[in-house]
């Protein structure tokens, strides 16, 4: 089995690296968080921990990442990266420790000859994954034109593409973000044979210093699939107004979106909009989200409103805290808040202190049908103290309509 050979080879490389530990620096981070439920009979409600370890030997770096939750060892990932002159390699292998199953492996080999970069992506899934074992490749060529003003990229799909693949474990003990692992190369789009599976051509350019143009042409096995053209007008007429026009054409349909946003020196107002109409006729503009943010003297205020909770969601900070279609969030493996909340108001204050930095944050969620004043749903309050770049501690509490529901205590250590 190919995946067994890869695992054995990687194990020998890792053992050799550990044997020469004294010859290279050994670094890592450990993050842990314990959740308490004051109103429940079981005091410990959640636990998550991640241990990352790296061993650097010259141009070679070996890494290990282990994730743990309340029910036990969740994921085990091994990594290998190397850079030598114009050649670089980066690879990962993912295992499910509870059963010892091999799930996924990917590798990226790059040849950089500025302004041209050639990349070869390869990936495979193990027999424990639905549809596995399977494998595929992507040959990608990227080049810059006119000193970086424009760029063109061609990605040829050979049993795989770069749309991303996610692995998720379900458990009743936690809803931790650690439950999902996402990688860029998806080898499940074809049968695993060495054959042409599609092509994606991307052209980007900046003109007049204020107009960004992006054109994406997608081809399948049988020919043309879609054409997308996005025009972004930045600071239109020297005003704080940005406008984005997005046109998508396919063999069966055509669609377009219109997204204006307003920016100032002291904050940012973004309006999420979409054009309504059929048959090429525009009948109106739908405003489905509004975002406002402002920062001053270490204090950041942000308000995000989802005006259409039927179709749209608000993603978590790890995925940009944006308002997007629920179908897009699911397809891209973006974590998002419950659709019961339509408004999130956040305040974060950072101040330097003796020997470190103090951070206070509060996130208030407003629901759609709570019946309380302003439809208040819940509030998360937290404080974190960092001592340099090596150690930090944090504490968060969650209060919702049922009372004091959670207290989370976390720490992070780097060496």
Protein backbone atom coordinates (compact mmCIF):
# COMPACT_ATOMS: atom_id res chain seq x y z
CA UNK A 1 0.00 0.00 0.00
CA UNK A 2 1.38 3.40 -0.99
CA UNK A 3 0.20 5.15 2.18
CA UNK A 4 1.87 2.49 4.35
CA UNK A 5 5.19 3.00 2.55
CA UNK A 6 4.94 6.76 3.06
CA UNK A 7 4.17 6.32 6.77
CA UNK A 8 7.12 3.94 7.26
CA UNK A 9 9.56 6.23 5.44
CA UNK A 10 8.38 9.23 7.44
CA UNK A 11 8.74 7.29 10.70
CA UNK A 12 12.36 6.44 9.90
CA UNK A 13 13.12 10.07 9.02
CA UNK A 14 11.53 11.22 12.28
CA UNK A 15 13.50 8.66 14.34
CA UNK A 16 16.73 9.76 12.69
CA UNK A 17 15.95 13.38 13.47
CA UNK A 18 15.19 12.62 17.12
CA UNK A 19 18.45 10.71 17.40
CA UNK A 20 20.32 13.85 16.30
CA UNK A 21 18.32 16.13 18.60
CA UNK A 22 21.42 17.65 20.11
CA UNK A 23 22.53 18.87 16.68
CA UNK A 24 19.62 21.24 16.11
CA UNK A 25 17.25 23.59 17.95
CA UNK A 26 14.09 22.16 19.46
CA UNK A 27 11.10 24.52 19.67
CA UNK A 28 7.39 24.25 20.33
CA UNK A 29 4.19 25.61 21.82
CA UNK A 30 1.62 24.17 24.18
CA UNK A 31 -1.89 25.60 24.43
CA UNK A 32 -4.56 24.32 26.79
CA UNK A 33 -8.04 25.44 27.84
CA UNK A 34 -10.38 24.01 30.50
CA UNK A 35 -14.10 24.78 30.49
CA UNK A 36 -16.26 24.71 33.63
CA UNK A 37 -20.08 24.63 33.73
CA UNK A 38 -21.23 26.18 37.03
CA UNK A 39 -24.91 25.27 36.55
CA UNK A 40 -24.32 21.65 35.50
CA UNK A 41 -23.82 18.54 37.64
CA UNK A 42 -20.57 17.79 35.80
CA UNK A 43 -18.15 20.63 36.66
CA UNK A 44 -15.83 20.08 33.67
CA UNK A 45 -17.67 20.83 30.44
CA UNK A 46 -14.86 21.04 27.92
CA UNK A 47 -11.14 20.65 27.42
CA UNK A 48 -8.89 21.30 24.47
CA UNK A 49 -5.14 21.23 24.12
CA UNK A 50 -2.66 21.47 21.26
CA UNK A 51 1.01 20.52 21.44
CA UNK A 52 3.20 21.68 18.54
CA UNK A 53 6.84 20.59 18.38
CA UNK A 54 9.47 21.46 15.74
CA UNK A 55 12.97 20.17 15.15
CA UNK A 56 15.17 22.29 12.86
CA UNK A 57 18.19 20.62 11.31
CA UNK A 58 19.86 22.90 8.79
CA UNK A 59 17.52 23.32 5.84
CA UNK A 60 15.15 20.61 7.17
CA UNK A 61 12.28 21.08 9.65
CA UNK A 62 10.32 18.21 11.18
CA UNK A 63 7.13 18.98 13.07
CA UNK A 64 4.45 17.25 15.12
CA UNK A 65 1.03 18.60 16.09
CA UNK A 66 -1.21 16.78 18.59
CA UNK A 67 -4.77 17.86 19.44
CA UNK A 68 -6.66 16.67 22.53
CA UNK A 69 -10.22 17.23 23.76
CA UNK A 70 -12.26 15.98 26.71
CA UNK A 71 -12.86 12.56 25.13
CA UNK A 72 -9.18 11.97 24.38
CA UNK A 73 -6.56 12.23 21.63
CA UNK A 74 -8.26 13.84 18.62
CA UNK A 75 -5.73 14.32 15.79
CA UNK A 76 -2.06 13.59 15.16
CA UNK A 77 -0.29 15.43 12.37
CA UNK A 78 3.32 15.09 11.20
CA UNK A 79 5.00 17.63 8.97
CA UNK A 80 8.19 17.96 6.97
CA UNK A 81 9.50 21.05 5.22
CA UNK A 82 12.78 21.81 3.52
CA UNK A 83 14.24 24.72 1.56
CA UNK A 84 17.40 24.51 -0.51
CA UNK A 85 18.19 27.38 -2.87
CA UNK A 86 15.30 27.69 -5.33
CA UNK A 87 13.68 24.37 -4.32
CA UNK A 88 11.29 23.96 -1.37
CA UNK A 89 9.06 21.17 -0.09
CA UNK A 90 6.27 21.17 2.47
CA UNK A 91 4.29 18.09 3.49
CA UNK A 92 1.82 16.89 6.14
CA UNK A 93 0.35 13.57 7.22
CA UNK A 94 -2.84 13.24 9.30
CA UNK A 95 -3.79 10.29 11.51
CA UNK A 96 -6.79 9.48 13.72
CA UNK A 97 -5.09 8.30 16.94
CA UNK A 98 -8.06 6.49 18.50
CA UNK A 99 -8.13 3.88 15.72
CA UNK A 100 -4.63 4.43 14.35
CA UNK A 101 -6.07 5.16 10.90
CA UNK A 102 -4.18 7.06 8.24
CA UNK A 103 -6.47 9.78 6.87
CA UNK A 104 -4.59 12.16 4.62
CA UNK A 105 -1.20 13.18 3.22
CA UNK A 106 -0.22 16.13 1.07
CA UNK A 107 3.02 17.51 -0.31
CA UNK A 108 3.95 20.67 -2.19
CA UNK A 109 7.15 20.88 -4.25
CA UNK A 110 8.05 24.39 -5.48
CA UNK A 111 10.66 25.70 -7.92
CA UNK A 112 11.04 29.47 -7.63
CA UNK A 113 12.60 31.33 -10.54
CA UNK A 114 11.37 34.89 -9.99
CA UNK A 115 9.07 36.08 -11.45
CA UNK A 116 7.94 32.52 -12.28
CA UNK A 117 7.07 29.85 -9.69
CA UNK A 118 6.28 26.24 -10.58
CA UNK A 119 4.45 24.17 -7.93
CA UNK A 120 3.45 20.52 -7.87
CA UNK A 121 0.75 19.61 -5.33
CA UNK A 122 0.08 15.97 -4.48
CA UNK A 123 -2.36 14.46 -2.00
CA UNK A 124 -3.94 11.16 -1.03
CA UNK A 125 -6.60 9.88 1.36
CA UNK A 126 -6.46 6.61 3.25
CA UNK A 127 -8.89 3.68 3.15
CA UNK A 128 -10.60 4.89 6.35
CA UNK A 129 -11.94 7.95 4.45
CA UNK A 130 -15.09 7.54 2.32
CA UNK A 131 -13.99 7.08 -1.30
CA UNK A 132 -10.46 6.10 -0.31
CA UNK A 133 -7.80 5.20 -0.94
CA UNK A 134 -7.46 7.86 -3.62
CA UNK A 135 -4.83 10.30 -4.82
CA UNK A 136 -4.28 13.18 -7.25
CA UNK A 137 -1.99 15.99 -8.37
CA UNK A 138 -2.12 19.65 -9.35
CA UNK A 139 0.51 21.30 -11.58
CA UNK A 140 0.54 25.06 -10.99
CA UNK A 141 2.50 27.79 -12.80
CA UNK A 142 2.45 31.35 -11.46
CA UNK A 143 4.10 34.37 -13.07
CA UNK A 144 4.20 38.12 -12.46
CA UNK A 145 4.08 40.68 -15.25
CA UNK A 146 5.09 44.35 -15.48
CA UNK A 147 6.97 44.33 -12.21
CA UNK A 148 4.12 42.85 -10.19
CA UNK A 149 1.31 45.03 -11.53
CA UNK A 150 -0.27 41.96 -13.13
CA UNK A 151 -0.05 38.21 -12.60
CA UNK A 152 -1.24 35.07 -14.33
CA UNK A 153 -1.66 31.59 -12.87
CA UNK A 154 -2.47 28.27 -14.49
CA UNK A 155 -3.50 25.28 -12.36
CA UNK A 156 -3.89 21.93 -14.12
CA UNK A 157 -5.92 19.38 -12.17
CA UNK A 158 -4.85 15.72 -12.41
CA UNK A 159 -7.24 13.91 -10.12
CA UNK A 160 -7.14 16.74 -7.55
CA UNK A 161 -7.82 20.46 -7.22
CA UNK A 162 -7.07 23.26 -4.73
CA UNK A 163 -10.63 23.77 -3.46
CA UNK A 164 -9.72 22.34 -0.04
CA UNK A 165 -10.69 19.21 1.88
CA UNK A 166 -11.88 18.97 5.49
CA UNK A 167 -11.90 16.19 8.06
CA UNK A 168 -14.34 16.47 10.95
CA UNK A 169 -14.90 14.38 14.06
CA UNK A 170 -18.18 14.58 15.95
CA UNK A 171 -18.49 14.34 19.71
CA UNK A 172 -21.16 15.22 22.24
CA UNK A 173 -18.65 16.52 24.78
CA UNK A 174 -17.54 19.68 22.99
CA UNK A 175 -18.04 21.94 19.98
CA UNK A 176 -14.35 22.86 19.83
CA UNK A 177 -12.79 24.35 16.71
CA UNK A 178 -10.26 21.51 16.90
CA UNK A 179 -12.86 19.07 15.57
CA UNK A 180 -12.17 20.14 11.96
CA UNK A 181 -8.92 19.89 10.01
CA UNK A 182 -8.70 21.59 6.60
CA UNK A 183 -6.08 21.20 3.87
CA UNK A 184 -5.74 22.85 0.47
CA UNK A 185 -5.36 19.88 -1.92
CA UNK A 186 -8.48 17.77 -2.53
CA UNK A 187 -7.74 14.39 -4.17
CA UNK A 188 -11.37 13.23 -4.26
CA UNK A 189 -12.57 14.98 -7.42
CA UNK A 190 -11.71 12.06 -9.71
CA UNK A 191 -11.14 8.30 -9.73
CA UNK A 192 -7.45 8.47 -8.77
CA UNK A 193 -6.13 7.70 -12.24
CA UNK A 194 -3.45 9.85 -13.84
CA UNK A 195 -5.70 11.82 -16.18
CA UNK A 196 -6.78 15.38 -16.91
CA UNK A 197 -9.53 16.55 -14.51
CA UNK A 198 -9.76 20.28 -15.22
CA UNK A 199 -8.01 23.61 -15.52
CA UNK A 200 -8.21 26.97 -13.74
CA UNK A 201 -6.73 30.14 -15.25
CA UNK A 202 -6.47 33.25 -13.08
CA UNK A 203 -5.47 36.74 -14.22
CA UNK A 204 -5.05 39.64 -11.79
CA UNK A 205 -4.07 43.24 -12.45
CA UNK A 206 -4.16 46.69 -10.88
CA UNK A 207 -4.82 49.62 -13.19
CA UNK A 208 -4.68 53.38 -12.52
CA UNK A 209 -3.69 52.53 -8.95
CA UNK A 210 -7.31 52.15 -7.89
CA UNK A 211 -8.96 49.37 -9.93
CA UNK A 212 -8.32 45.69 -9.19
CA UNK A 213 -9.26 43.22 -11.94
CA UNK A 214 -9.56 39.48 -11.39
CA UNK A 215 -10.59 37.06 -14.14
CA UNK A 216 -10.97 33.33 -13.45
CA UNK A 217 -11.63 30.81 -16.23
CA UNK A 218 -12.54 27.26 -15.20
CA UNK A 219 -12.44 24.27 -17.53
CA UNK A 220 -13.63 20.71 -16.92
CA UNK A 221 -13.07 17.40 -18.65
CA UNK A 222 -15.60 18.26 -21.32
CA UNK A 223 -14.56 21.89 -21.82
CA UNK A 224 -15.69 25.30 -20.57
CA UNK A 225 -17.27 25.41 -17.09
CA UNK A 226 -17.42 29.03 -15.92
CA UNK A 227 -15.98 32.51 -16.28
CA UNK A 228 -15.80 34.95 -13.35
CA UNK A 229 -14.81 38.62 -13.61
CA UNK A 230 -14.43 40.78 -10.51
CA UNK A 231 -13.84 44.53 -10.63
CA UNK A 232 -12.97 46.40 -7.43
CA UNK A 233 -12.96 50.21 -7.51
CA UNK A 234 -10.96 51.47 -4.51
CA UNK A 235 -11.53 55.00 -3.14
CA UNK A 236 -13.73 55.95 -6.06
CA UNK A 237 -13.29 59.60 -7.16
CA UNK A 238 -10.89 60.11 -4.21
CA UNK A 239 -13.72 59.34 -1.80
CA UNK A 240 -13.85 56.71 0.97
CA UNK A 241 -16.16 54.60 -1.24
CA UNK A 242 -15.17 51.15 -2.51
CA UNK A 243 -17.30 49.24 -5.01
CA UNK A 244 -16.93 45.60 -6.06
CA UNK A 245 -18.69 44.13 -9.10
CA UNK A 246 -18.62 40.35 -9.52
CA UNK A 247 -19.91 38.64 -12.69
CA UNK A 248 -20.09 34.85 -13.05
CA UNK A 249 -21.00 33.13 -16.34
CA UNK A 250 -21.52 29.40 -16.84
CA UNK A 251 -23.05 27.19 -19.51
CA UNK A 252 -26.46 27.32 -17.83
CA UNK A 253 -26.59 30.49 -15.71
CA UNK A 254 -25.16 33.94 -15.19
CA UNK A 255 -25.08 35.89 -11.93
CA UNK A 256 -23.70 39.13 -10.59
CA UNK A 257 -23.20 40.80 -7.22
CA UNK A 258 -22.66 44.42 -6.25
CA UNK A 259 -20.84 45.17 -2.98
CA UNK A 260 -20.22 48.77 -1.91
CA UNK A 261 -18.22 49.62 1.22
CA UNK A 262 -17.39 52.91 2.92
CA UNK A 263 -14.03 53.48 4.61
CA UNK A 264 -12.69 56.35 6.70
CA UNK A 265 -9.42 57.07 8.51
CA UNK A 266 -10.94 56.30 11.92
CA UNK A 267 -13.09 53.32 11.13
CA UNK A 268 -14.61 51.16 8.45
CA UNK A 269 -18.22 50.77 7.41
CA UNK A 270 -18.92 47.83 5.14
CA UNK A 271 -22.28 47.11 3.59
CA UNK A 272 -22.96 43.60 2.24
CA UNK A 273 -25.29 43.84 -0.74
CA UNK A 274 -26.56 41.79 -3.64
CA UNK A 275 -28.41 42.80 -6.81
CA UNK A 276 -31.92 41.43 -7.28
CA UNK A 277 -33.46 40.68 -10.65
CA UNK A 278 -34.09 38.12 -13.35
CA UNK A 279 -33.36 37.87 -17.03
CA UNK A 280 -30.79 40.65 -16.97
CA UNK A 281 -33.21 43.10 -15.37
CA UNK A 282 -32.17 44.63 -12.02
CA UNK A 283 -35.16 45.12 -9.76
CA UNK A 284 -33.47 46.14 -6.52
CA UNK A 285 -30.58 45.87 -4.09
CA UNK A 286 -30.62 43.57 -1.07
CA UNK A 287 -28.64 44.67 1.98
CA UNK A 288 -27.99 41.50 3.97
CA UNK A 289 -25.19 42.64 6.29
CA UNK A 290 -23.56 45.68 7.86
CA UNK A 291 -20.17 45.83 9.58
CA UNK A 292 -18.60 48.73 11.44
CA UNK A 293 -15.20 48.73 13.11
CA UNK A 294 -13.01 51.42 14.66
CA UNK A 295 -9.68 51.39 16.52
CA UNK A 296 -8.12 54.07 18.66
CA UNK A 297 -5.35 53.99 21.28
CA UNK A 298 -5.36 50.23 21.76
CA UNK A 299 -9.17 49.93 21.79
CA UNK A 300 -11.07 48.20 18.98
CA UNK A 301 -14.84 48.32 18.56
CA UNK A 302 -16.69 46.16 16.03
CA UNK A 303 -20.34 45.65 15.19
CA UNK A 304 -21.49 42.95 12.73
CA UNK A 305 -25.15 42.64 11.68
CA UNK A 306 -26.65 39.77 9.70
CA UNK A 307 -29.91 41.08 8.25
CA UNK A 308 -30.88 37.79 6.57
CA UNK A 309 -30.41 34.94 9.04
CA UNK A 310 -32.30 32.55 6.75
CA UNK A 311 -29.55 32.38 4.12
CA UNK A 312 -26.52 34.06 5.69
CA UNK A 313 -24.30 33.48 8.74
CA UNK A 314 -21.54 35.32 10.64
CA UNK A 315 -18.23 33.47 10.61
CA UNK A 316 -15.95 33.20 13.63
CA UNK A 317 -12.87 35.48 13.94
CA UNK A 318 -10.63 32.68 12.65
CA UNK A 319 -12.49 32.91 9.33
CA UNK A 320 -12.67 36.68 9.03
CA UNK A 321 -15.83 37.55 11.02
CA UNK A 322 -17.71 38.16 7.76
CA UNK A 323 -21.31 37.75 6.66
CA UNK A 324 -21.55 35.08 3.99
CA UNK A 325 -23.96 32.53 2.59
CA UNK A 326 -24.41 29.51 4.81
CA UNK A 327 -23.89 27.25 1.79
CA UNK A 328 -20.52 28.92 1.08
CA UNK A 329 -19.47 28.61 4.73
CA UNK A 330 -20.26 24.89 4.70
CA UNK A 331 -18.55 24.33 1.33
CA UNK A 332 -15.38 26.14 2.50
CA UNK A 333 -15.42 24.55 6.00
CA UNK A 334 -15.78 27.97 7.64
CA UNK A 335 -16.91 27.86 11.26
CA UNK A 336 -19.76 30.25 12.03
CA UNK A 337 -21.98 31.31 14.90
CA UNK A 338 -25.50 30.03 15.41
CA UNK A 339 -28.10 31.51 13.08
CA UNK A 340 -30.06 32.41 16.21
CA UNK A 341 -27.77 35.45 16.54
CA UNK A 342 -28.12 38.30 14.06
CA UNK A 343 -25.89 40.91 15.75
CA UNK A 344 -22.47 40.71 17.44
CA UNK A 345 -20.91 43.71 19.20
CA UNK A 346 -17.29 43.34 20.30
CA UNK A 347 -14.92 45.50 22.33
CA UNK A 348 -11.24 44.74 22.87
CA UNK A 349 -8.77 46.80 24.92
CA UNK A 350 -5.02 46.15 24.98
CA UNK A 351 -2.76 47.95 27.43
CA UNK A 352 0.92 47.42 28.24
CA UNK A 353 1.65 46.48 31.84
CA UNK A 354 4.52 45.49 34.06
CA UNK A 355 6.29 42.66 32.29
CA UNK A 356 3.59 42.02 29.69
CA UNK A 357 0.38 43.00 27.90
CA UNK A 358 -3.13 43.01 29.35
CA UNK A 359 -6.10 42.34 27.07
CA UNK A 360 -9.77 42.71 27.96
CA UNK A 361 -12.51 41.66 25.54
CA UNK A 362 -16.29 41.43 25.57
CA UNK A 363 -18.54 39.98 22.85
CA UNK A 364 -22.30 40.49 23.10
CA UNK A 365 -24.67 38.45 20.92
CA UNK A 366 -28.22 39.52 20.07
CA UNK A 367 -30.82 36.94 19.10
CA UNK A 368 -33.83 36.90 16.83
CA UNK A 369 -36.59 35.89 19.24
CA UNK A 370 -35.43 36.01 22.87
CA UNK A 371 -38.12 38.46 23.98
CA UNK A 372 -35.60 40.28 26.19
CA UNK A 373 -34.51 43.90 26.00
CA UNK A 374 -32.73 44.47 22.67
CA UNK A 375 -33.06 40.68 22.05
CA UNK A 376 -29.91 40.03 24.10
CA UNK A 377 -28.71 36.45 23.68
CA UNK A 378 -25.41 36.03 25.51
CA UNK A 379 -22.19 37.80 26.50
CA UNK A 380 -18.63 36.50 26.50
CA UNK A 381 -16.16 38.39 28.69
CA UNK A 382 -12.47 37.61 28.92
CA UNK A 383 -9.11 38.83 30.13
CA UNK A 384 -5.65 37.68 29.02
CA UNK A 385 -2.18 38.47 30.34
CA UNK A 386 0.94 37.77 28.31
CA UNK A 387 4.41 37.70 29.82
CA UNK A 388 6.66 38.44 26.89
CA UNK A 389 6.37 36.00 23.99
CA UNK A 390 6.77 32.80 26.03
CA UNK A 391 3.84 32.56 28.43
CA UNK A 392 0.26 33.81 28.65
CA UNK A 393 -2.85 33.03 30.70
CA UNK A 394 -6.51 33.82 30.02
CA UNK A 395 -9.92 33.57 31.64
CA UNK A 396 -13.34 33.84 29.95
CA UNK A 397 -16.89 33.63 31.23
CA UNK A 398 -20.12 33.14 29.27
CA UNK A 399 -23.50 34.44 30.47
CA UNK A 400 -26.65 33.75 28.46
CA UNK A 401 -30.41 33.76 29.06
CA UNK A 402 -30.12 30.76 31.43
CA UNK A 403 -27.44 32.36 33.61
CA UNK A 404 -23.73 31.76 34.22
CA UNK A 405 -23.12 28.89 31.79
CA UNK A 406 -19.36 28.62 31.24
CA UNK A 407 -15.99 29.59 32.66
CA UNK A 408 -12.91 28.90 30.55
CA UNK A 409 -9.33 29.03 31.80
CA UNK A 410 -6.48 28.83 29.31
CA UNK A 411 -2.74 29.06 29.05
CA UNK A 412 -0.09 29.13 26.31
CA UNK A 413 3.59 28.28 26.62
CA UNK A 414 6.31 28.68 23.96
CA UNK A 415 9.91 27.55 24.07
